[in-house]
Amino acid sequence: MRNKYDQAQDQDMPIVERVLEVAEHHGVPMAQVALAWHWAKGVTVPISGLFAARTRG
């Protein structure tokens, strides 16, 4: 299981670090920053797994 997620770590960590930076700057949880990003991209139901995300419009 570890190898499945470790492959993208080099690509993912700069994003995680930036989300942390924005969250700390605004005094909000990282999840709120992530959800705000989804909303700005038009995703209204960001669900992972078997369901596809819905977009506005």
C-alpha atoms as a PDB file:
ATOM      1  CA  MET A   1       0.000   0.000   0.000  1.00  0.00           C
ATOM      2  CA  ARG A   2       2.829   2.381   0.824  1.00  0.00           C
ATOM      3  CA  ASN A   3       4.306   2.200  -2.697  1.00  0.00           C
ATOM      4  CA  LYS A   4       0.936   3.120  -4.200  1.00  0.00           C
ATOM      5  CA  TYR A   5       0.967   6.540  -2.541  1.00  0.00           C
ATOM      6  CA  ASP A   6       4.702   7.176  -2.269  1.00  0.00           C
ATOM      7  CA  GLN A   7       5.069   7.392  -6.060  1.00  0.00           C
ATOM      8  CA  ALA A   8       3.345  10.792  -6.185  1.00  0.00           C
ATOM      9  CA  GLN A   9       4.934  12.191  -3.021  1.00  0.00           C
ATOM     10  CA  ASP A  10       7.435  14.426  -4.860  1.00  0.00           C
ATOM     11  CA  GLN A  11       4.587  15.951  -6.839  1.00  0.00           C
ATOM     12  CA  ASP A  12       2.139  16.176  -3.931  1.00  0.00           C
ATOM     13  CA  MET A  13       4.301  17.650  -1.172  1.00  0.00           C
ATOM     14  CA  PRO A  14       4.756  21.138  -2.719  1.00  0.00           C
ATOM     15  CA  ILE A  15       0.973  21.363  -3.034  1.00  0.00           C
ATOM     16  CA  VAL A  16       0.444  20.224   0.559  1.00  0.00           C
ATOM     17  CA  GLU A  17       3.021  22.735   1.784  1.00  0.00           C
ATOM     18  CA  ARG A  18       1.346  25.570  -0.163  1.00  0.00           C
ATOM     19  CA  VAL A  19      -2.092  24.654   1.188  1.00  0.00           C
ATOM     20  CA  LEU A  20      -0.629  24.680   4.705  1.00  0.00           C
ATOM     21  CA  GLU A  21       0.912  28.103   4.073  1.00  0.00           C
ATOM     22  CA  VAL A  22      -2.385  29.565   2.817  1.00  0.00           C
ATOM     23  CA  ALA A  23      -4.339  27.968   5.671  1.00  0.00           C
ATOM     24  CA  GLU A  24      -1.978  29.367   8.306  1.00  0.00           C
ATOM     25  CA  HIS A  25      -2.039  32.809   6.676  1.00  0.00           C
ATOM     26  CA  HIS A  26      -5.844  32.905   6.849  1.00  0.00           C
ATOM     27  CA  GLY A  27      -6.179  31.071  10.168  1.00  0.00           C
ATOM     28  CA  VAL A  28      -8.329  28.293   8.747  1.00  0.00           C
ATOM     29  CA  PRO A  29      -7.995  24.497   8.456  1.00  0.00           C
ATOM     30  CA  MET A  30      -6.254  23.031   5.417  1.00  0.00           C
ATOM     31  CA  ALA A  31      -9.505  21.261   4.499  1.00  0.00           C
ATOM     32  CA  GLN A  32     -11.240  24.627   4.158  1.00  0.00           C
ATOM     33  CA  VAL A  33      -8.558  25.823   1.732  1.00  0.00           C
ATOM     34  CA  ALA A  34      -8.924  22.626  -0.295  1.00  0.00           C
ATOM     35  CA  LEU A  35     -12.701  22.952  -0.428  1.00  0.00           C
ATOM     36  CA  ALA A  36     -12.433  26.625  -1.421  1.00  0.00           C
ATOM     37  CA  TRP A  37     -10.100  25.644  -4.260  1.00  0.00           C
ATOM     38  CA  HIS A  38     -12.613  23.053  -5.476  1.00  0.00           C
ATOM     39  CA  TRP A  39     -15.437  25.606  -5.285  1.00  0.00           C
ATOM     40  CA  ALA A  40     -13.386  28.130  -7.300  1.00  0.00           C
ATOM     41  CA  LYS A  41     -12.877  25.454  -9.981  1.00  0.00           C
ATOM     42  CA  GLY A  42     -16.634  24.799 -10.173  1.00  0.00           C
ATOM     43  CA  VAL A  43     -16.732  21.554  -8.198  1.00  0.00           C
ATOM     44  CA  THR A  44     -19.779  21.607  -5.938  1.00  0.00           C
ATOM     45  CA  VAL A  45     -19.568  18.063  -4.533  1.00  0.00           C
ATOM     46  CA  PRO A  46     -15.918  17.026  -4.058  1.00  0.00           C
ATOM     47  CA  ILE A  47     -16.406  13.366  -3.196  1.00  0.00           C
ATOM     48  CA  SER A  48     -13.642  10.847  -3.761  1.00  0.00           C
ATOM     49  CA  GLY A  49     -14.111   7.163  -4.299  1.00  0.00           C
ATOM     50  CA  LEU A  50     -16.878   5.685  -6.394  1.00  0.00           C
ATOM     51  CA  PHE A  51     -18.629   8.982  -7.047  1.00  0.00           C
ATOM     52  CA  ALA A  52     -17.561  11.571  -9.588  1.00  0.00           C
ATOM     53  CA  ALA A  53     -17.385  15.222  -8.564  1.00  0.00           C
ATOM     54  CA  ARG A  54     -20.214  17.399  -9.803  1.00  0.00           C
ATOM     55  CA  THR A  55     -19.560  20.789 -11.349  1.00  0.00           C
ATOM     56  CA  ARG A  56     -21.668  23.913 -11.427  1.00  0.00           C
ATOM     57  CA  GLY A  57     -23.158  25.103 -14.644  1.00  0.00           C
END
